C-alpha atoms as a PDB file:
ATOM      1  CA  MET A   1      -5.033   8.157  13.069  1.00  0.00           C
ATOM      2  CA  GLU A   2      -2.610   5.401  14.216  1.00  0.00           C
ATOM      3  CA  THR A   3       0.590   5.412  12.229  1.00  0.00           C
ATOM      4  CA  SER A   4       1.873   1.932  10.831  1.00  0.00           C
ATOM      5  CA  ARG A   5       5.159   0.931  11.244  1.00  0.00           C
ATOM      6  CA  ALA A   6       5.516   1.154   7.320  1.00  0.00           C
ATOM      7  CA  ASP A   7       4.892   4.615   7.874  1.00  0.00           C
ATOM      8  CA  MET A   8       7.139   5.456  10.396  1.00  0.00           C
ATOM      9  CA  PHE A   9       9.929   3.890   8.466  1.00  0.00           C
ATOM     10  CA  ARG A  10       9.022   5.671   5.408  1.00  0.00           C
ATOM     11  CA  GLN A  11       9.600   8.981   7.132  1.00  0.00           C
ATOM     12  CA  LEU A  12      12.953   7.730   8.993  1.00  0.00           C
ATOM     13  CA  LEU A  13      13.894   6.697   5.255  1.00  0.00           C
ATOM     14  CA  ASN A  14      13.214  10.441   4.043  1.00  0.00           C
ATOM     15  CA  ARG A  15      15.603  11.681   6.763  1.00  0.00           C
ATOM     16  CA  ASP A  16      18.111   8.913   5.838  1.00  0.00           C
ATOM     17  CA  PRO A  17      17.602   7.223   2.767  1.00  0.00           C
ATOM     18  CA  ASN A  18      20.602   5.050   2.777  1.00  0.00           C
ATOM     19  CA  ASN A  19      20.269   3.325   6.458  1.00  0.00           C
ATOM     20  CA  SER A  20      20.507  -0.009   5.593  1.00  0.00           C
ATOM     21  CA  MET A  21      18.665  -0.925   9.075  1.00  0.00           C
ATOM     22  CA  LEU A  22      15.994   1.215   7.962  1.00  0.00           C
ATOM     23  CA  LEU A  23      15.995  -0.166   4.378  1.00  0.00           C
ATOM     24  CA  TYR A  24      15.776  -3.877   5.799  1.00  0.00           C
ATOM     25  CA  SER A  25      13.050  -3.141   8.511  1.00  0.00           C
ATOM     26  CA  MET A  26      10.970  -1.400   5.752  1.00  0.00           C
ATOM     27  CA  GLY A  27      11.653  -4.600   3.793  1.00  0.00           C
ATOM     28  CA  ILE A  28      10.302  -6.856   6.463  1.00  0.00           C
ATOM     29  CA  GLU A  29       7.149  -4.519   7.147  1.00  0.00           C
ATOM     30  CA  LEU A  30       6.345  -5.185   3.429  1.00  0.00           C
ATOM     31  CA  PHE A  31       7.324  -9.169   3.669  1.00  0.00           C
ATOM     32  CA  LYS A  32       4.994  -9.389   6.342  1.00  0.00           C
ATOM     33  CA  LYS A  33       2.106  -7.536   4.464  1.00  0.00           C
ATOM     34  CA  GLN A  34       2.691  -9.985   1.335  1.00  0.00           C
ATOM     35  CA  LYS A  35       3.688  -6.852  -0.835  1.00  0.00           C
ATOM     36  CA  TYR A  36       6.692  -8.490  -2.173  1.00  0.00           C
ATOM     37  CA  ALA A  37       7.646  -6.539  -5.167  1.00  0.00           C
ATOM     38  CA  GLU A  38       8.081  -3.279  -2.971  1.00  0.00           C
ATOM     39  CA  ALA A  39      10.083  -5.509  -0.231  1.00  0.00           C
ATOM     40  CA  ARG A  40      12.554  -6.726  -2.823  1.00  0.00           C
ATOM     41  CA  GLU A  41      13.298  -3.183  -3.790  1.00  0.00           C
ATOM     42  CA  TYR A  42      13.914  -2.036  -0.109  1.00  0.00           C
ATOM     43  CA  LEU A  43      15.958  -5.088   0.772  1.00  0.00           C
ATOM     44  CA  SER A  44      17.980  -4.792  -2.437  1.00  0.00           C
ATOM     45  CA  ARG A  45      18.896  -1.257  -1.315  1.00  0.00           C
ATOM     46  CA  ALA A  46      19.935  -2.630   2.149  1.00  0.00           C
ATOM     47  CA  ILE A  47      22.081  -4.889   0.393  1.00  0.00           C
ATOM     48  CA  ARG A  48      23.856  -2.129  -1.972  1.00  0.00           C
ATOM     49  CA  ASN A  49      24.121   0.065   0.952  1.00  0.00           C
ATOM     50  CA  LYS A  50      25.808  -3.007   3.328  1.00  0.00           C
ATOM     51  CA  PRO A  51      26.988  -5.825   1.035  1.00  0.00           C
ATOM     52  CA  ASP A  52      28.076  -7.603   4.570  1.00  0.00           C
ATOM     53  CA  TYR A  53      24.052  -7.650   5.734  1.00  0.00           C
ATOM     54  CA  SER A  54      23.709 -11.516   5.748  1.00  0.00           C
ATOM     55  CA  VAL A  55      19.932 -11.055   6.975  1.00  0.00           C
ATOM     56  CA  ALA A  56      19.110  -8.936   4.401  1.00  0.00           C
ATOM     57  CA  TYR A  57      20.062 -11.589   1.752  1.00  0.00           C
ATOM     58  CA  ARG A  58      18.373 -14.243   3.942  1.00  0.00           C
ATOM     59  CA  THR A  59      14.984 -11.982   3.505  1.00  0.00           C
ATOM     60  CA  LEU A  60      15.530 -11.134  -0.241  1.00  0.00           C
ATOM     61  CA  GLY A  61      15.768 -14.705  -0.938  1.00  0.00           C
ATOM     62  CA  ARG A  62      12.482 -15.522   0.593  1.00  0.00           C
ATOM     63  CA  VAL A  63      10.959 -12.671  -1.265  1.00  0.00           C
ATOM     64  CA  LEU A  64      12.145 -13.466  -4.376  1.00  0.00           C
ATOM     65  CA  TYR A  65      10.904 -17.402  -3.779  1.00  0.00           C
ATOM     66  CA  GLU A  66       7.382 -15.790  -2.972  1.00  0.00           C
ATOM     67  CA  LEU A  67       7.721 -13.800  -6.095  1.00  0.00           C
ATOM     68  CA  GLY A  68       8.225 -17.380  -8.029  1.00  0.00           C
ATOM     69  CA  GLU A  69      11.697 -15.823  -9.096  1.00  0.00           C
ATOM     70  CA  ASP A  70      13.504 -19.167  -8.317  1.00  0.00           C
ATOM     71  CA  ALA A  71      16.533 -18.659 -10.017  1.00  0.00           C
ATOM     72  CA  GLU A  72      17.348 -15.303  -8.705  1.00  0.00           C
ATOM     73  CA  ALA A  73      16.369 -16.698  -5.030  1.00  0.00           C
ATOM     74  CA  ARG A  74      18.967 -19.653  -5.332  1.00  0.00           C
ATOM     75  CA  ARG A  75      21.593 -16.826  -6.737  1.00  0.00           C
ATOM     76  CA  VAL A  76      20.602 -14.273  -3.590  1.00  0.00           C
ATOM     77  CA  PHE A  77      20.457 -17.602  -1.011  1.00  0.00           C
ATOM     78  CA  ALA A  78      24.171 -18.782  -1.936  1.00  0.00           C
ATOM     79  CA  GLU A  79      25.673 -15.288  -1.991  1.00  0.00           C
ATOM     80  CA  GLY A  80      23.697 -14.790   1.564  1.00  0.00           C
ATOM     81  CA  ARG A  81      25.315 -18.253   2.715  1.00  0.00           C
ATOM     82  CA  LYS A  82      28.515 -16.948   1.913  1.00  0.00           C
ATOM     83  CA  VAL A  83      28.349 -13.496   3.593  1.00  0.00           C
ATOM     84  CA  ALA A  84      26.759 -15.225   6.597  1.00  0.00           C
ATOM     85  CA  ARG A  85      29.523 -17.757   6.628  1.00  0.00           C
ATOM     86  CA  SER A  86      32.318 -14.855   6.502  1.00  0.00           C
ATOM     87  CA  ASN A  87      30.643 -12.992   9.462  1.00  0.00           C
ATOM     88  CA  GLY A  88      30.394 -16.368  11.214  1.00  0.00           C
ATOM     89  CA  ASP A  89      26.338 -15.718  11.396  1.00  0.00           C
ATOM     90  CA  LEU A  90      25.530 -19.650  11.970  1.00  0.00           C
ATOM     91  CA  GLN A  91      21.893 -18.889  12.372  1.00  0.00           C
ATOM     92  CA  THR A  92      21.402 -16.949   9.642  1.00  0.00           C
ATOM     93  CA  ILE A  93      23.246 -19.970   7.539  1.00  0.00           C
ATOM     94  CA  LYS A  94      20.575 -22.425   8.960  1.00  0.00           C
ATOM     95  CA  GLU A  95      17.742 -20.224   8.182  1.00  0.00           C
ATOM     96  CA  ILE A  96      19.133 -19.984   4.564  1.00  0.00           C
ATOM     97  CA  ASP A  97      19.340 -23.784   4.291  1.00  0.00           C
ATOM     98  CA  VAL A  98      15.934 -24.335   5.361  1.00  0.00           C
ATOM     99  CA  PHE A  99      14.732 -21.996   2.586  1.00  0.00           C
ATOM    100  CA  VAL A 100      16.996 -23.621  -0.072  1.00  0.00           C
ATOM    101  CA  ARG A 101      15.564 -27.165   0.727  1.00  0.00           C
ATOM    102  CA  ARG A 102      11.950 -25.671   0.386  1.00  0.00           C
ATOM    103  CA  ALA A 103      12.739 -24.196  -3.063  1.00  0.00           C
ATOM    104  CA  GLU A 104      14.655 -27.434  -4.125  1.00  0.00           C
ATOM    105  CA  LYS A 105      11.175 -29.539  -3.234  1.00  0.00           C
ATOM    106  CA  ARG A 106       9.444 -26.909  -5.424  1.00  0.00           C
ATOM    107  CA  GLY A 107      11.331 -26.481  -7.833  1.00  0.00           C
ATOM    108  CA  GLY A 108      13.168 -29.917  -8.151  1.00  0.00           C
ATOM    109  CA  GLY A 109      17.116 -29.605  -8.402  1.00  0.00           C
ATOM    110  CA  GLU A 110      20.126 -28.287  -6.528  1.00  0.00           C
ATOM    111  CA  VAL A 111      19.959 -25.006  -5.317  1.00  0.00           C
ATOM    112  CA  GLY A 112      23.419 -24.587  -4.493  1.00  0.00           C
ATOM    113  CA  THR A 113      24.723 -24.193  -0.716  1.00  0.00           C
ATOM    114  CA  SER A 114      28.084 -24.952  -1.307  1.00  0.00           C
END
């Protein structure tokens, strides 16, 4: 029986439960499978363990957007944008801005990219 990527990440996380890269990777796998509630937990843990992990904010914001939690998505995107700016991560800023515009279109109103 073939082991899924999610199973592999679970096994690795059993050995190193606070590894932000593994938590992020698990969150991405769950996001791809549209298991948004589970993805939120792993991505939130990744950020708690590594508060300057800008791509984790971007993905967590996307998860929250998919869950319809627009206010929290806006907050996470705004925080992620600040983190990405302080890291000099211009690509992540651009990607966050794309999702902010989508959220604005869906919900009408300012999301806050400043």
